[in-house]
Amino acid sequence: MNALTLPDIAAQALRQAHPLEWVGMCGIALPVLLDGKKLPATADAGVSLDNGEARGIHMSRLYLGLETLEQETLSPGLLRRVLHSFLISHEGLSNNAYLTIHTDLLLKRPALVSPLSGWKSYPVSIEARLKNQMFHVELKMALPYSSTCPCSAALSRQLIQQQFVDDFANRTLHHDEVLAWLGSPEGIVATPHSQRSTAQLSLRLHESLDELPLVAIINDAEAALGTAVQTAVKRADEQAFALANGQNLMFCEDAARRLNLALKRSPGVSGFQIRVIHAESLHAHDAVAESRWNWEAA
């Protein structure tokens, strides 16, 4: 008795079928290799369905095409090979292939002054597409930092000046007395407000890159802002962080401009879109600024 052929419903033609821009799967769990570490991730994998007479694609072939990601360090070359395998497995059906990987990059960051260090998690998405025979890679990441309001800082300084006038008007000043006043709550009567802020970066990479410059871009962005949030700290580190905030007073507009200049200098970045969000501590709403360079839909 001959074995029955398993039916392939997806290959059946439909009378009302028409092309679809993207068909695939989202949230596929898998490990990826990044920065020498194996990280848990999820993948969104898909292709276009350009054959208007076909009912669907072969999703299992996309799933199997992701196996290579477990064995090699994530790179533009690896992403391109995976996308090419998607198209080979869908020859006659698809012309374009897409892959997005979502993970959290773990970096060990040193304290500002003390010998302590700790781990910080950076949400990262890596989007690759092979569209009309053109290959593109984009990175998306979120960086937390602290922002101290320049207006609030100026208003606080004015109140401190006024308190100084009130306390020392028509008096002979002595160094020790003024020094003690500067270190007392009675003297420093106001402090500026700060907030935890987030920089959302979307970056397009040069096609010639052999590696994903995730760590380099994070380092460049944090150096430009000057107030990256910390991990393990001692009091000396907390004091150094207060100094960094005082020396880097920022409206959201300032942060966006700083990142714009820094990312234009980052090797391998051919375009970007920046969105900075200052989660206001004064208001119930957020302050937001955006900046773009050489950014258009691809």
Protein backbone atom coordinates (compact mmCIF):
# COMPACT_ATOMS: atom_id res chain seq x y z
CA MET A 1 0.00 0.00 0.00
CA ASN A 2 1.45 3.37 -1.06
CA ALA A 3 1.88 6.05 1.59
CA LEU A 4 -0.54 8.92 1.22
CA THR A 5 0.90 12.29 0.22
CA LEU A 6 0.32 14.87 2.92
CA PRO A 7 -1.83 17.73 1.68
CA ASP A 8 -0.23 21.16 1.19
CA ILE A 9 -3.13 23.55 1.63
CA ALA A 10 -0.88 26.64 1.49
CA ALA A 11 0.15 25.78 -2.07
CA GLN A 12 -3.42 25.73 -3.30
CA ALA A 13 -4.46 28.60 -5.53
CA LEU A 14 -7.32 30.89 -4.57
CA ARG A 15 -9.62 32.69 -6.92
CA GLN A 16 -9.43 35.94 -4.96
CA ALA A 17 -5.78 35.74 -3.90
CA HIS A 18 -3.56 38.81 -4.29
CA PRO A 19 0.00 39.76 -3.22
CA LEU A 20 0.76 40.60 0.43
CA GLU A 21 3.60 42.83 1.66
CA TRP A 22 4.53 40.81 4.77
CA VAL A 23 3.63 37.33 5.98
CA GLY A 24 5.43 35.47 8.74
CA MET A 25 5.74 34.95 12.48
CA CYS A 26 6.37 37.25 15.44
CA GLY A 27 7.79 36.50 18.88
CA ILE A 28 9.84 33.41 17.99
CA ALA A 29 11.98 32.53 21.03
CA LEU A 30 15.66 31.83 20.37
CA PRO A 31 19.14 32.60 21.72
CA VAL A 32 21.52 34.95 19.90
CA LEU A 33 25.25 35.62 20.30
CA LEU A 34 26.10 39.27 20.94
CA ASP A 35 29.19 40.86 22.45
CA GLY A 36 30.52 37.40 23.31
CA LYS A 37 27.40 36.46 25.27
CA LYS A 38 24.46 34.18 24.50
CA LEU A 39 21.32 36.22 25.12
CA PRO A 40 17.65 35.25 25.12
CA ALA A 41 15.82 36.93 22.27
CA THR A 42 12.69 36.89 20.15
CA ALA A 43 12.55 37.14 16.38
CA ASP A 44 9.99 38.42 13.90
CA ALA A 45 10.55 36.66 10.57
CA GLY A 46 8.63 37.25 7.37
CA VAL A 47 8.62 37.47 3.60
CA SER A 48 6.46 39.17 1.01
CA LEU A 49 3.90 37.02 -0.79
CA ASP A 50 4.29 38.25 -4.35
CA ASN A 51 2.71 35.30 -6.10
CA GLY A 52 -0.89 36.45 -6.15
CA GLU A 53 -2.18 32.97 -6.95
CA ALA A 54 -0.62 31.31 -3.90
CA ARG A 55 -2.69 30.98 -0.74
CA GLY A 56 0.21 31.31 1.71
CA ILE A 57 3.90 30.88 2.49
CA HIS A 58 5.84 28.05 4.19
CA MET A 59 6.28 29.36 7.72
CA SER A 60 8.15 26.30 8.92
CA ARG A 61 10.90 27.12 6.43
CA LEU A 62 11.34 30.54 8.01
CA TYR A 63 11.52 28.96 11.45
CA LEU A 64 14.19 26.49 10.35
CA GLY A 65 16.13 29.27 8.65
CA LEU A 66 16.71 30.92 12.04
CA GLU A 67 18.80 28.01 13.39
CA THR A 68 22.04 29.64 12.18
CA LEU A 69 21.52 32.50 14.64
CA GLU A 70 22.27 30.16 17.55
CA GLN A 71 25.71 29.24 16.23
CA GLU A 72 27.36 32.47 15.04
CA THR A 73 27.87 35.96 16.42
CA LEU A 74 25.17 38.28 15.16
CA SER A 75 26.55 40.37 12.30
CA PRO A 76 25.30 42.07 9.12
CA GLY A 77 26.74 39.22 7.07
CA LEU A 78 24.91 36.59 9.10
CA LEU A 79 21.64 38.49 8.87
CA ARG A 80 22.00 38.76 5.12
CA ARG A 81 22.59 35.01 4.77
CA VAL A 82 19.49 34.24 6.85
CA LEU A 83 17.35 36.56 4.73
CA HIS A 84 18.76 35.02 1.56
CA SER A 85 17.81 31.57 2.87
CA PHE A 86 14.25 32.82 3.41
CA LEU A 87 14.03 33.78 -0.26
CA ILE A 88 15.64 30.58 -1.52
CA SER A 89 13.10 28.54 0.46
CA HIS A 90 10.29 30.65 -1.04
CA GLU A 91 11.48 30.80 -4.63
CA GLY A 92 8.58 31.69 -6.89
CA LEU A 93 6.57 33.06 -3.97
CA SER A 94 8.56 35.89 -2.41
CA ASN A 95 10.90 38.68 -3.52
CA ASN A 96 11.52 40.41 -0.17
CA ALA A 97 12.57 39.08 3.24
CA TYR A 98 12.49 40.62 6.71
CA LEU A 99 13.94 39.79 10.12
CA THR A 100 13.79 41.68 13.41
CA ILE A 101 15.55 40.47 16.56
CA HIS A 102 14.60 41.85 19.99
CA THR A 103 16.90 41.32 22.96
CA ASP A 104 18.45 43.05 25.98
CA LEU A 105 22.16 43.76 25.72
CA LEU A 106 23.85 43.37 29.11
CA LEU A 107 26.89 45.58 29.69
CA LYS A 108 28.97 45.78 32.86
CA ARG A 109 29.47 49.45 33.68
CA PRO A 110 32.00 50.90 36.14
CA ALA A 111 31.07 53.37 38.85
CA LEU A 112 32.15 56.99 38.37
CA VAL A 113 34.75 57.07 41.15
CA SER A 114 34.81 53.91 43.28
CA PRO A 115 36.01 50.48 42.05
CA LEU A 116 32.43 49.16 42.01
CA SER A 117 30.68 48.03 38.84
CA GLY A 118 27.33 46.57 37.90
CA TRP A 119 25.25 45.31 35.01
CA LYS A 120 22.99 47.52 32.94
CA SER A 121 20.38 46.26 30.48
CA TYR A 122 19.82 48.00 27.14
CA PRO A 123 16.73 47.00 25.10
CA VAL A 124 17.87 46.50 21.50
CA SER A 125 16.12 45.65 18.24
CA ILE A 126 18.02 44.71 15.09
CA GLU A 127 15.99 45.03 11.92
CA ALA A 128 17.29 43.53 8.67
CA ARG A 129 15.57 43.42 5.30
CA LEU A 130 16.42 42.21 1.83
CA LYS A 131 14.04 44.27 -0.30
CA ASN A 132 14.23 44.64 -4.07
CA GLN A 133 17.68 43.01 -3.84
CA MET A 134 18.85 45.80 -1.51
CA PHE A 135 20.09 44.90 1.98
CA HIS A 136 19.49 47.22 4.95
CA VAL A 137 20.22 46.92 8.67
CA GLU A 138 18.78 49.23 11.31
CA LEU A 139 19.39 49.30 15.06
CA LYS A 140 16.91 50.49 17.65
CA MET A 141 17.87 50.97 21.27
CA ALA A 142 16.79 52.81 24.40
CA LEU A 143 19.27 54.54 26.73
CA PRO A 144 18.29 55.83 30.19
CA TYR A 145 19.96 58.96 31.56
CA SER A 146 19.38 61.75 34.05
CA SER A 147 18.42 65.30 33.03
CA THR A 148 18.44 68.36 35.25
CA CYS A 149 16.32 71.31 34.10
CA PRO A 150 18.41 74.44 33.33
CA CYS A 151 15.48 76.72 34.16
CA SER A 152 14.93 75.07 37.52
CA ALA A 153 18.67 75.30 38.23
CA ALA A 154 18.69 79.05 37.52
CA LEU A 155 15.61 79.65 39.67
CA SER A 156 17.19 77.66 42.51
CA ARG A 157 20.40 79.70 42.31
CA GLN A 158 18.37 82.91 42.49
CA LEU A 159 16.60 81.74 45.64
CA ILE A 160 19.95 80.83 47.20
CA GLN A 161 21.29 84.29 46.32
CA GLN A 162 18.26 85.92 47.90
CA GLN A 163 18.68 83.82 51.04
CA PHE A 164 22.34 84.88 51.16
CA VAL A 165 21.31 88.53 51.00
CA ASP A 166 18.71 87.99 53.72
CA ASP A 167 21.20 86.24 56.02
CA PHE A 168 24.27 88.40 55.46
CA ALA A 169 22.97 91.88 54.59
CA ASN A 170 25.05 94.68 56.20
CA ARG A 171 27.34 92.19 57.91
CA THR A 172 31.06 91.55 57.83
CA LEU A 173 31.60 88.15 56.22
CA HIS A 174 33.93 85.53 57.62
CA HIS A 175 35.15 82.62 55.54
CA ASP A 176 34.22 79.91 58.04
CA GLU A 177 30.73 81.32 58.53
CA VAL A 178 30.01 81.45 54.79
CA LEU A 179 31.43 77.96 54.30
CA ALA A 180 29.12 76.59 57.00
CA TRP A 181 26.16 78.45 55.44
CA LEU A 182 26.84 76.90 52.05
CA GLY A 183 26.71 73.44 53.60
CA SER A 184 23.48 73.95 55.53
CA PRO A 185 19.82 73.45 54.58
CA GLU A 186 19.23 77.03 55.77
CA GLY A 187 21.57 78.30 53.07
CA ILE A 188 20.83 76.01 50.14
CA VAL A 189 17.08 76.57 50.30
CA ALA A 190 16.27 75.26 46.80
CA THR A 191 17.45 72.50 44.49
CA PRO A 192 16.69 72.05 40.78
CA HIS A 193 14.43 69.24 39.67
CA SER A 194 15.79 66.28 37.72
CA GLN A 195 14.13 63.37 35.98
CA ARG A 196 15.01 59.96 34.62
CA SER A 197 15.04 60.37 30.86
CA THR A 198 15.23 58.08 27.85
CA ALA A 199 16.90 58.40 24.46
CA GLN A 200 15.28 56.24 21.80
CA LEU A 201 17.69 55.75 18.90
CA SER A 202 16.95 54.35 15.45
CA LEU A 203 20.06 54.04 13.31
CA ARG A 204 20.73 52.87 9.77
CA LEU A 205 24.10 51.20 9.24
CA HIS A 206 26.51 51.32 6.32
CA GLU A 207 26.23 48.20 4.17
CA SER A 208 30.00 47.65 4.37
CA LEU A 209 30.04 46.96 8.13
CA ASP A 210 31.26 43.55 9.24
CA GLU A 211 30.06 43.91 12.84
CA LEU A 212 27.14 45.46 14.69
CA PRO A 213 28.58 48.51 16.53
CA LEU A 214 26.12 48.33 19.41
CA VAL A 215 28.56 48.95 22.26
CA ALA A 216 30.40 51.72 20.41
CA ILE A 217 27.14 53.57 19.68
CA ILE A 218 25.96 53.22 23.28
CA ASN A 219 29.30 54.54 24.54
CA ASP A 220 29.24 57.50 22.14
CA ALA A 221 25.67 58.41 23.09
CA GLU A 222 26.25 58.15 26.84
CA ALA A 223 29.45 60.20 26.60
CA ALA A 224 27.56 62.92 24.71
CA LEU A 225 24.83 63.09 27.36
CA GLY A 226 27.22 62.91 30.31
CA THR A 227 24.65 61.63 32.81
CA ALA A 228 24.05 57.95 32.09
CA VAL A 229 22.23 56.23 34.96
CA GLN A 230 24.46 54.25 37.28
CA THR A 231 24.51 50.73 38.74
CA ALA A 232 26.42 50.01 41.97
CA VAL A 233 27.52 53.21 43.74
CA LYS A 234 29.13 54.51 46.90
CA ARG A 235 28.57 58.01 48.27
CA ALA A 236 31.57 59.28 46.30
CA ASP A 237 29.94 58.03 43.11
CA GLU A 238 26.64 59.64 44.03
CA GLN A 239 28.44 62.93 44.60
CA ALA A 240 30.21 62.59 41.24
CA PHE A 241 26.83 61.93 39.61
CA ALA A 242 25.43 65.10 41.20
CA LEU A 243 28.41 66.98 39.77
CA ALA A 244 27.82 65.48 36.32
CA ASN A 245 24.18 66.59 36.44
CA GLY A 246 25.20 70.09 37.48
CA GLN A 247 27.68 70.32 34.62
CA ASN A 248 25.24 68.91 32.07
CA LEU A 249 22.03 70.88 32.55
CA MET A 250 19.71 69.84 29.71
CA PHE A 251 16.38 70.61 28.21
CA CYS A 252 15.13 67.83 25.95
CA GLU A 253 16.19 70.02 23.00
CA ASP A 254 19.77 70.11 24.31
CA ALA A 255 19.89 66.33 24.68
CA ALA A 256 18.59 65.79 21.14
CA ARG A 257 21.21 68.16 19.71
CA ARG A 258 24.02 66.50 21.65
CA LEU A 259 23.04 63.08 20.35
CA ASN A 260 22.68 64.39 16.82
CA LEU A 261 26.27 65.65 16.79
CA ALA A 262 27.66 62.52 18.45
CA LEU A 263 25.91 60.03 16.17
CA LYS A 264 26.97 61.86 13.03
CA ARG A 265 30.55 61.12 14.11
CA SER A 266 29.89 57.45 14.92
CA PRO A 267 31.59 55.18 12.37
CA GLY A 268 29.20 53.01 10.41
CA VAL A 269 26.07 55.14 10.96
CA SER A 270 24.58 56.37 7.68
CA GLY A 271 21.39 57.89 9.09
CA PHE A 272 19.35 58.09 12.27
CA GLN A 273 16.21 59.19 14.02
CA ILE A 274 16.40 60.34 17.67
CA ARG A 275 13.58 60.75 20.17
CA VAL A 276 14.39 61.93 23.69
CA ILE A 277 11.83 61.81 26.48
CA HIS A 278 12.23 63.71 29.72
CA ALA A 279 9.71 62.28 32.18
CA GLU A 280 9.01 65.54 33.96
CA SER A 281 9.08 65.69 37.74
CA LEU A 282 7.53 69.18 37.69
CA HIS A 283 4.68 68.36 35.28
CA ALA A 284 2.40 65.38 34.81
CA HIS A 285 3.39 65.26 31.12
CA ASP A 286 6.66 64.49 29.36
CA ALA A 287 8.95 66.81 27.42
CA VAL A 288 9.94 65.31 24.06
CA ALA A 289 12.29 66.27 21.23
CA GLU A 290 13.12 64.52 17.96
CA SER A 291 15.96 64.86 15.48
CA ARG A 292 16.73 63.14 12.18
CA TRP A 293 19.67 62.95 9.83
CA ASN A 294 19.71 61.30 6.41
CA TRP A 295 16.58 59.40 7.42
CA GLU A 296 13.97 58.29 4.97
CA ALA A 297 11.82 55.21 4.53
CA ALA A 298 13.75 52.40 2.87
